[in-house]
Amino acid sequence: YQRRVHGGSKEHQSVRCLGCLPKKQANHLYWSPKGTHIVLAGLLKTFNGILEFWNVSNMEMTGAGEYFMCTDVEWDPSGRYVCTSVSYYRHQMENGYIIWNFQGNQLLNLTLDKFYQFSFRPRPQTLLSEAKLKKIQSGLKSLAAGYKEEERNLRKQEQDVANQQRREQMETFTRFLKNRRAENRDLTARRRASRKNCDYNSDDQSCFSVVEEMVEEVLSIEEEEM
């Protein structure tokens, strides 16, 4: 459900159903501290750690996973990460924890003997005023556009540097090739002069003839009686 407050007064509010998720293997629901995302978890022996990550704004499942014998699920205060764990309090085997992002992608999986509990560090109180927070939230789109433009410019600069390096390498190779060809022409002239200007030129392919020979060899003979 979604609750809306009209006119800034809690007396004028409405509740709207966003959707229904029937027949889910879940016995615990864990909301993100920032809203929008929720984890549907089937914990303990009932469902053996089945997890579904949902974005309720558009009723879309962003990820799914399973953590056998999972006992606890905890969101970090920023709403970006989720920790699922198997506590030694409940089970004496397979203890440890897994950290996921809010979309259900697994980031870390650790197995620890006699692991008891996982807790995120509390998020400190913001130093910004309520008015400053509202101003930042209202300008997020323009800020995001500015950051994207800055990122595009940085990528373009990196690409320009890479292209310049390729051009310099190509120019260096071209000069090297030109010098070697000049040296080869000089060596060819000196070789021909030492041979008293004979028509043979080792660099001229027309001075060579190619002879192909076919050789047949019997590798083995097998005889079979019919």
C-alpha atoms as a PDB file:
ATOM      1  CA  TYR A   1       0.000   0.000   0.000  1.00  0.00           C
ATOM      2  CA  GLN A   2       0.977   3.657  -0.468  1.00  0.00           C
ATOM      3  CA  ARG A   3      -0.062   6.365   1.958  1.00  0.00           C
ATOM      4  CA  ARG A   4      -0.385   9.943   0.724  1.00  0.00           C
ATOM      5  CA  VAL A   5      -0.829  13.085   2.785  1.00  0.00           C
ATOM      6  CA  HIS A   6      -2.799  15.870   1.087  1.00  0.00           C
ATOM      7  CA  GLY A   7      -2.346  19.520   1.889  1.00  0.00           C
ATOM      8  CA  GLY A   8       0.400  18.834   4.415  1.00  0.00           C
ATOM      9  CA  SER A   9      -2.084  17.642   7.023  1.00  0.00           C
ATOM     10  CA  LYS A  10      -2.197  14.115   8.419  1.00  0.00           C
ATOM     11  CA  GLU A  11      -5.980  14.493   8.703  1.00  0.00           C
ATOM     12  CA  HIS A  12      -6.213  14.509   4.892  1.00  0.00           C
ATOM     13  CA  GLN A  13      -4.519  11.315   3.801  1.00  0.00           C
ATOM     14  CA  SER A  14      -5.317   8.356   1.596  1.00  0.00           C
ATOM     15  CA  VAL A  15      -4.103   4.799   1.201  1.00  0.00           C
ATOM     16  CA  ARG A  16      -3.753   3.205  -2.232  1.00  0.00           C
ATOM     17  CA  CYS A  17      -3.052  -0.457  -3.008  1.00  0.00           C
ATOM     18  CA  LEU A  18      -0.007  -0.819  -5.263  1.00  0.00           C
ATOM     19  CA  GLY A  19      -0.268  -4.549  -5.854  1.00  0.00           C
ATOM     20  CA  CYS A  20      -0.512  -8.030  -4.382  1.00  0.00           C
ATOM     21  CA  LEU A  21       2.085 -10.820  -4.280  1.00  0.00           C
ATOM     22  CA  PRO A  22       0.183 -14.064  -3.651  1.00  0.00           C
ATOM     23  CA  LYS A  23       1.581 -17.518  -2.910  1.00  0.00           C
ATOM     24  CA  LYS A  24       5.060 -16.377  -1.875  1.00  0.00           C
ATOM     25  CA  GLN A  25       7.328 -18.656   0.154  1.00  0.00           C
ATOM     26  CA  ALA A  26       7.977 -16.028   2.796  1.00  0.00           C
ATOM     27  CA  ASN A  27       7.361 -15.782   6.508  1.00  0.00           C
ATOM     28  CA  HIS A  28       9.233 -12.499   7.117  1.00  0.00           C
ATOM     29  CA  LEU A  29       9.172  -9.109   5.336  1.00  0.00           C
ATOM     30  CA  TYR A  30      12.053  -6.646   5.624  1.00  0.00           C
ATOM     31  CA  TRP A  31      11.577  -3.068   4.394  1.00  0.00           C
ATOM     32  CA  SER A  32      14.495  -0.888   3.357  1.00  0.00           C
ATOM     33  CA  PRO A  33      15.020   2.045   5.765  1.00  0.00           C
ATOM     34  CA  LYS A  34      14.622   4.322   2.739  1.00  0.00           C
ATOM     35  CA  GLY A  35      11.458   2.658   1.508  1.00  0.00           C
ATOM     36  CA  THR A  36      10.770   1.496  -2.071  1.00  0.00           C
ATOM     37  CA  HIS A  37      12.588  -1.854  -1.662  1.00  0.00           C
ATOM     38  CA  ILE A  38      11.610  -4.900   0.345  1.00  0.00           C
ATOM     39  CA  VAL A  39      13.023  -8.374   0.950  1.00  0.00           C
ATOM     40  CA  LEU A  40      10.617 -11.310   1.121  1.00  0.00           C
ATOM     41  CA  ALA A  41      12.360 -13.970   3.212  1.00  0.00           C
ATOM     42  CA  GLY A  42      11.507 -17.560   4.009  1.00  0.00           C
ATOM     43  CA  LEU A  43      13.592 -18.216   7.097  1.00  0.00           C
ATOM     44  CA  LEU A  44      14.495 -21.157   9.328  1.00  0.00           C
ATOM     45  CA  LYS A  45      13.324 -24.677   8.575  1.00  0.00           C
ATOM     46  CA  THR A  46      10.048 -23.521   7.047  1.00  0.00           C
ATOM     47  CA  PHE A  47      11.523 -22.375   3.725  1.00  0.00           C
ATOM     48  CA  ASN A  48      15.298 -22.804   4.297  1.00  0.00           C
ATOM     49  CA  GLY A  49      16.355 -19.261   3.365  1.00  0.00           C
ATOM     50  CA  ILE A  50      14.488 -18.344   0.173  1.00  0.00           C
ATOM     51  CA  LEU A  51      14.971 -14.615  -0.626  1.00  0.00           C
ATOM     52  CA  GLU A  52      13.265 -12.270  -3.079  1.00  0.00           C
ATOM     53  CA  PHE A  53      14.212  -8.622  -3.614  1.00  0.00           C
ATOM     54  CA  TRP A  54      11.394  -6.349  -4.799  1.00  0.00           C
ATOM     55  CA  ASN A  55      11.055  -2.766  -5.988  1.00  0.00           C
ATOM     56  CA  VAL A  56       7.517  -1.923  -4.951  1.00  0.00           C
ATOM     57  CA  SER A  57       7.382   1.350  -6.905  1.00  0.00           C
ATOM     58  CA  ASN A  58       6.832  -0.634 -10.103  1.00  0.00           C
ATOM     59  CA  MET A  59       6.135  -4.055  -8.479  1.00  0.00           C
ATOM     60  CA  GLU A  60       9.233  -5.608 -10.025  1.00  0.00           C
ATOM     61  CA  MET A  61      11.387  -8.389  -8.586  1.00  0.00           C
ATOM     62  CA  THR A  62      14.970  -7.179  -9.025  1.00  0.00           C
ATOM     63  CA  GLY A  63      16.677 -10.320  -7.741  1.00  0.00           C
ATOM     64  CA  ALA A  64      16.346 -13.620  -5.928  1.00  0.00           C
ATOM     65  CA  GLY A  65      18.587 -15.947  -4.008  1.00  0.00           C
ATOM     66  CA  GLU A  66      18.809 -18.618  -1.369  1.00  0.00           C
ATOM     67  CA  TYR A  67      20.842 -18.901   1.821  1.00  0.00           C
ATOM     68  CA  PHE A  68      20.383 -22.322   3.395  1.00  0.00           C
ATOM     69  CA  MET A  69      19.183 -22.173   7.015  1.00  0.00           C
ATOM     70  CA  CYS A  70      19.218 -18.354   7.047  1.00  0.00           C
ATOM     71  CA  THR A  71      18.120 -17.004  10.430  1.00  0.00           C
ATOM     72  CA  ASP A  72      18.454 -13.190  10.179  1.00  0.00           C
ATOM     73  CA  VAL A  73      18.083 -10.417   7.601  1.00  0.00           C
ATOM     74  CA  GLU A  74      19.238  -6.863   8.218  1.00  0.00           C
ATOM     75  CA  TRP A  75      19.301  -3.717   6.052  1.00  0.00           C
ATOM     76  CA  ASP A  76      22.096  -1.222   6.381  1.00  0.00           C
ATOM     77  CA  PRO A  77      20.920   2.299   7.378  1.00  0.00           C
ATOM     78  CA  SER A  78      21.534   3.706   3.888  1.00  0.00           C
ATOM     79  CA  GLY A  79      19.201   1.176   2.253  1.00  0.00           C
ATOM     80  CA  ARG A  80      21.909   0.112  -0.208  1.00  0.00           C
ATOM     81  CA  TYR A  81      22.942  -3.232   1.267  1.00  0.00           C
ATOM     82  CA  VAL A  82      21.337  -6.244   2.948  1.00  0.00           C
ATOM     83  CA  CYS A  83      23.004  -8.810   5.196  1.00  0.00           C
ATOM     84  CA  THR A  84      21.638 -12.320   5.622  1.00  0.00           C
ATOM     85  CA  SER A  85      23.202 -14.560   8.245  1.00  0.00           C
ATOM     86  CA  VAL A  86      23.091 -17.964   9.916  1.00  0.00           C
ATOM     87  CA  SER A  87      23.536 -17.427  13.644  1.00  0.00           C
ATOM     88  CA  TYR A  88      25.150 -19.890  16.035  1.00  0.00           C
ATOM     89  CA  TYR A  89      22.283 -19.077  18.397  1.00  0.00           C
ATOM     90  CA  ARG A  90      19.914 -21.017  16.126  1.00  0.00           C
ATOM     91  CA  HIS A  91      22.202 -23.456  14.279  1.00  0.00           C
ATOM     92  CA  GLN A  92      25.595 -24.861  15.187  1.00  0.00           C
ATOM     93  CA  MET A  93      26.621 -25.538  11.578  1.00  0.00           C
ATOM     94  CA  GLU A  94      27.073 -23.519   8.377  1.00  0.00           C
ATOM     95  CA  ASN A  95      27.440 -20.256  10.317  1.00  0.00           C
ATOM     96  CA  GLY A  96      28.351 -17.074   8.476  1.00  0.00           C
ATOM     97  CA  TYR A  97      26.803 -14.271   6.452  1.00  0.00           C
ATOM     98  CA  ILE A  98      26.169 -12.997   2.924  1.00  0.00           C
ATOM     99  CA  ILE A  99      26.026  -9.343   1.893  1.00  0.00           C
ATOM    100  CA  TRP A 100      23.781  -8.353  -1.027  1.00  0.00           C
ATOM    101  CA  ASN A 101      23.017  -5.045  -2.674  1.00  0.00           C
ATOM    102  CA  PHE A 102      19.445  -3.758  -2.689  1.00  0.00           C
ATOM    103  CA  GLN A 103      18.858  -5.330  -6.128  1.00  0.00           C
ATOM    104  CA  GLY A 104      19.659  -8.836  -4.896  1.00  0.00           C
ATOM    105  CA  ASN A 105      23.184  -9.190  -6.307  1.00  0.00           C
ATOM    106  CA  GLN A 106      25.495 -11.142  -3.999  1.00  0.00           C
ATOM    107  CA  LEU A 107      28.608  -9.162  -3.025  1.00  0.00           C
ATOM    108  CA  LEU A 108      30.267 -11.202  -0.272  1.00  0.00           C
ATOM    109  CA  ASN A 109      29.902 -14.707   1.173  1.00  0.00           C
ATOM    110  CA  LEU A 110      31.794 -15.689   4.330  1.00  0.00           C
ATOM    111  CA  THR A 111      31.618 -18.826   6.470  1.00  0.00           C
ATOM    112  CA  LEU A 112      32.678 -18.318  10.099  1.00  0.00           C
ATOM    113  CA  ASP A 113      32.720 -20.846  12.904  1.00  0.00           C
ATOM    114  CA  LYS A 114      30.517 -19.920  15.864  1.00  0.00           C
ATOM    115  CA  PHE A 115      29.261 -16.747  14.194  1.00  0.00           C
ATOM    116  CA  TYR A 116      26.557 -15.144  16.346  1.00  0.00           C
ATOM    117  CA  GLN A 117      25.364 -11.786  15.018  1.00  0.00           C
ATOM    118  CA  PHE A 118      25.911  -9.184  12.296  1.00  0.00           C
ATOM    119  CA  SER A 119      25.107  -5.490  12.825  1.00  0.00           C
ATOM    120  CA  PHE A 120      25.690  -2.481  10.586  1.00  0.00           C
ATOM    121  CA  ARG A 121      27.236   0.664  12.044  1.00  0.00           C
ATOM    122  CA  PRO A 122      24.468   3.191  12.799  1.00  0.00           C
ATOM    123  CA  ARG A 123      24.167   5.961  10.262  1.00  0.00           C
ATOM    124  CA  PRO A 124      25.141   9.291  11.882  1.00  0.00           C
ATOM    125  CA  GLN A 125      22.666  12.147  12.073  1.00  0.00           C
ATOM    126  CA  THR A 126      22.863  14.439   9.066  1.00  0.00           C
ATOM    127  CA  LEU A 127      24.431  17.845   9.526  1.00  0.00           C
ATOM    128  CA  LEU A 128      22.173  19.387   6.886  1.00  0.00           C
ATOM    129  CA  SER A 129      19.045  21.286   7.761  1.00  0.00           C
ATOM    130  CA  GLU A 130      15.600  20.153   6.603  1.00  0.00           C
ATOM    131  CA  ALA A 131      15.480  23.030   4.105  1.00  0.00           C
ATOM    132  CA  LYS A 132      18.883  22.066   2.695  1.00  0.00           C
ATOM    133  CA  LEU A 133      17.815  18.442   2.304  1.00  0.00           C
ATOM    134  CA  LYS A 134      14.656  19.455   0.447  1.00  0.00           C
ATOM    135  CA  LYS A 135      16.685  21.729  -1.822  1.00  0.00           C
ATOM    136  CA  ILE A 136      19.096  18.899  -2.642  1.00  0.00           C
ATOM    137  CA  GLN A 137      16.277  16.430  -3.261  1.00  0.00           C
ATOM    138  CA  SER A 138      14.456  18.863  -5.546  1.00  0.00           C
ATOM    139  CA  GLY A 139      17.648  19.440  -7.564  1.00  0.00           C
ATOM    140  CA  LEU A 140      18.754  15.811  -7.840  1.00  0.00           C
ATOM    141  CA  LYS A 141      17.841  15.567 -11.517  1.00  0.00           C
ATOM    142  CA  SER A 142      19.847  18.637 -12.482  1.00  0.00           C
ATOM    143  CA  LEU A 143      22.763  17.471 -10.317  1.00  0.00           C
ATOM    144  CA  ALA A 144      22.645  14.020 -11.903  1.00  0.00           C
ATOM    145  CA  ALA A 145      22.611  15.582 -15.379  1.00  0.00           C
ATOM    146  CA  GLY A 146      25.629  17.686 -14.455  1.00  0.00           C
ATOM    147  CA  TYR A 147      27.527  14.666 -13.147  1.00  0.00           C
ATOM    148  CA  LYS A 148      26.698  12.680 -16.283  1.00  0.00           C
ATOM    149  CA  GLU A 149      27.953  15.523 -18.464  1.00  0.00           C
ATOM    150  CA  GLU A 150      31.146  15.716 -16.398  1.00  0.00           C
ATOM    151  CA  GLU A 151      31.590  11.960 -16.749  1.00  0.00           C
ATOM    152  CA  ARG A 152      31.119  12.160 -20.522  1.00  0.00           C
ATOM    153  CA  ASN A 153      33.742  14.910 -20.704  1.00  0.00           C
ATOM    154  CA  LEU A 154      36.201  12.848 -18.658  1.00  0.00           C
ATOM    155  CA  ARG A 155      35.642   9.822 -20.877  1.00  0.00           C
ATOM    156  CA  LYS A 156      36.121  11.979 -23.974  1.00  0.00           C
ATOM    157  CA  GLN A 157      39.389  13.329 -22.570  1.00  0.00           C
ATOM    158  CA  GLU A 158      40.595   9.797 -21.836  1.00  0.00           C
ATOM    159  CA  GLN A 159      39.620   8.711 -25.342  1.00  0.00           C
ATOM    160  CA  ASP A 160      41.399  11.729 -26.869  1.00  0.00           C
ATOM    161  CA  VAL A 161      44.561  10.881 -24.917  1.00  0.00           C
ATOM    162  CA  ALA A 162      44.358   7.247 -26.056  1.00  0.00           C
ATOM    163  CA  ASN A 163      43.833   8.323 -29.687  1.00  0.00           C
ATOM    164  CA  GLN A 164      46.779  10.705 -29.480  1.00  0.00           C
ATOM    165  CA  GLN A 165      48.982   7.919 -28.145  1.00  0.00           C
ATOM    166  CA  ARG A 166      47.896   5.639 -31.013  1.00  0.00           C
ATOM    167  CA  ARG A 167      48.673   8.371 -33.565  1.00  0.00           C
ATOM    168  CA  GLU A 168      52.120   8.922 -32.055  1.00  0.00           C
ATOM    169  CA  GLN A 169      52.816   5.181 -32.084  1.00  0.00           C
ATOM    170  CA  MET A 170      51.678   4.974 -35.706  1.00  0.00           C
ATOM    171  CA  GLU A 171      53.873   7.914 -36.697  1.00  0.00           C
ATOM    172  CA  THR A 172      56.853   6.347 -34.904  1.00  0.00           C
ATOM    173  CA  PHE A 173      56.292   3.048 -36.704  1.00  0.00           C
ATOM    174  CA  THR A 174      55.876   4.807 -40.066  1.00  0.00           C
ATOM    175  CA  ARG A 175      59.188   6.641 -39.594  1.00  0.00           C
ATOM    176  CA  PHE A 176      60.885   3.388 -38.553  1.00  0.00           C
ATOM    177  CA  LEU A 177      59.525   1.599 -41.637  1.00  0.00           C
ATOM    178  CA  LYS A 178      60.573   4.453 -43.927  1.00  0.00           C
ATOM    179  CA  ASN A 179      64.116   4.438 -42.549  1.00  0.00           C
ATOM    180  CA  ARG A 180      64.433   0.659 -42.895  1.00  0.00           C
ATOM    181  CA  ARG A 181      63.211   0.762 -46.494  1.00  0.00           C
ATOM    182  CA  ALA A 182      65.747   3.478 -47.282  1.00  0.00           C
ATOM    183  CA  GLU A 183      68.507   1.385 -45.699  1.00  0.00           C
ATOM    184  CA  ASN A 184      67.347  -1.656 -47.673  1.00  0.00           C
ATOM    185  CA  ARG A 185      67.426   0.279 -50.947  1.00  0.00           C
ATOM    186  CA  ASP A 186      70.970   1.421 -50.180  1.00  0.00           C
ATOM    187  CA  LEU A 187      72.064  -2.143 -49.333  1.00  0.00           C
ATOM    188  CA  THR A 188      70.441  -3.435 -52.525  1.00  0.00           C
ATOM    189  CA  ALA A 189      72.321  -0.880 -54.622  1.00  0.00           C
ATOM    190  CA  ARG A 190      75.610  -1.803 -52.981  1.00  0.00           C
ATOM    191  CA  ARG A 191      74.979  -5.546 -53.450  1.00  0.00           C
ATOM    192  CA  ARG A 192      74.229  -5.076 -57.154  1.00  0.00           C
ATOM    193  CA  ALA A 193      77.308  -2.923 -57.538  1.00  0.00           C
ATOM    194  CA  SER A 194      79.463  -5.616 -55.926  1.00  0.00           C
ATOM    195  CA  ARG A 195      77.990  -8.154 -58.384  1.00  0.00           C
ATOM    196  CA  LYS A 196      78.948  -5.958 -61.332  1.00  0.00           C
ATOM    197  CA  ASN A 197      75.389  -4.858 -62.054  1.00  0.00           C
ATOM    198  CA  CYS A 198      74.069  -8.338 -62.823  1.00  0.00           C
ATOM    199  CA  ASP A 199      70.355  -8.638 -63.416  1.00  0.00           C
ATOM    200  CA  TYR A 200      69.807 -10.728 -60.280  1.00  0.00           C
ATOM    201  CA  ASN A 201      68.063  -8.855 -57.456  1.00  0.00           C
ATOM    202  CA  SER A 202      67.354 -10.764 -54.239  1.00  0.00           C
ATOM    203  CA  ASP A 203      64.482  -8.397 -53.450  1.00  0.00           C
ATOM    204  CA  ASP A 204      62.776  -8.942 -56.791  1.00  0.00           C
ATOM    205  CA  GLN A 205      60.345 -11.853 -56.626  1.00  0.00           C
ATOM    206  CA  SER A 206      60.406 -12.231 -60.413  1.00  0.00           C
ATOM    207  CA  CYS A 207      63.997 -13.417 -60.168  1.00  0.00           C
ATOM    208  CA  PHE A 208      62.832 -16.570 -58.406  1.00  0.00           C
ATOM    209  CA  SER A 209      61.034 -19.611 -59.745  1.00  0.00           C
ATOM    210  CA  VAL A 210      58.786 -21.839 -57.676  1.00  0.00           C
ATOM    211  CA  VAL A 211      58.892 -25.581 -58.222  1.00  0.00           C
ATOM    212  CA  GLU A 212      56.212 -27.798 -56.703  1.00  0.00           C
ATOM    213  CA  GLU A 213      56.907 -31.472 -56.148  1.00  0.00           C
ATOM    214  CA  MET A 214      54.356 -34.049 -55.032  1.00  0.00           C
ATOM    215  CA  VAL A 215      55.615 -36.939 -52.947  1.00  0.00           C
ATOM    216  CA  GLU A 216      53.387 -39.911 -52.164  1.00  0.00           C
ATOM    217  CA  GLU A 217      54.213 -42.181 -49.252  1.00  0.00           C
ATOM    218  CA  VAL A 218      52.376 -45.263 -48.056  1.00  0.00           C
ATOM    219  CA  LEU A 219      51.897 -45.033 -44.299  1.00  0.00           C
ATOM    220  CA  SER A 220      50.264 -48.386 -43.669  1.00  0.00           C
ATOM    221  CA  ILE A 221      48.491 -51.266 -45.374  1.00  0.00           C
ATOM    222  CA  GLU A 222      45.679 -53.279 -43.853  1.00  0.00           C
ATOM    223  CA  GLU A 223      44.215 -56.394 -45.384  1.00  0.00           C
ATOM    224  CA  GLU A 224      40.814 -57.760 -44.405  1.00  0.00           C
ATOM    225  CA  GLU A 225      39.258 -61.068 -45.448  1.00  0.00           C
ATOM    226  CA  MET A 226      35.713 -60.721 -46.703  1.00  0.00           C
END
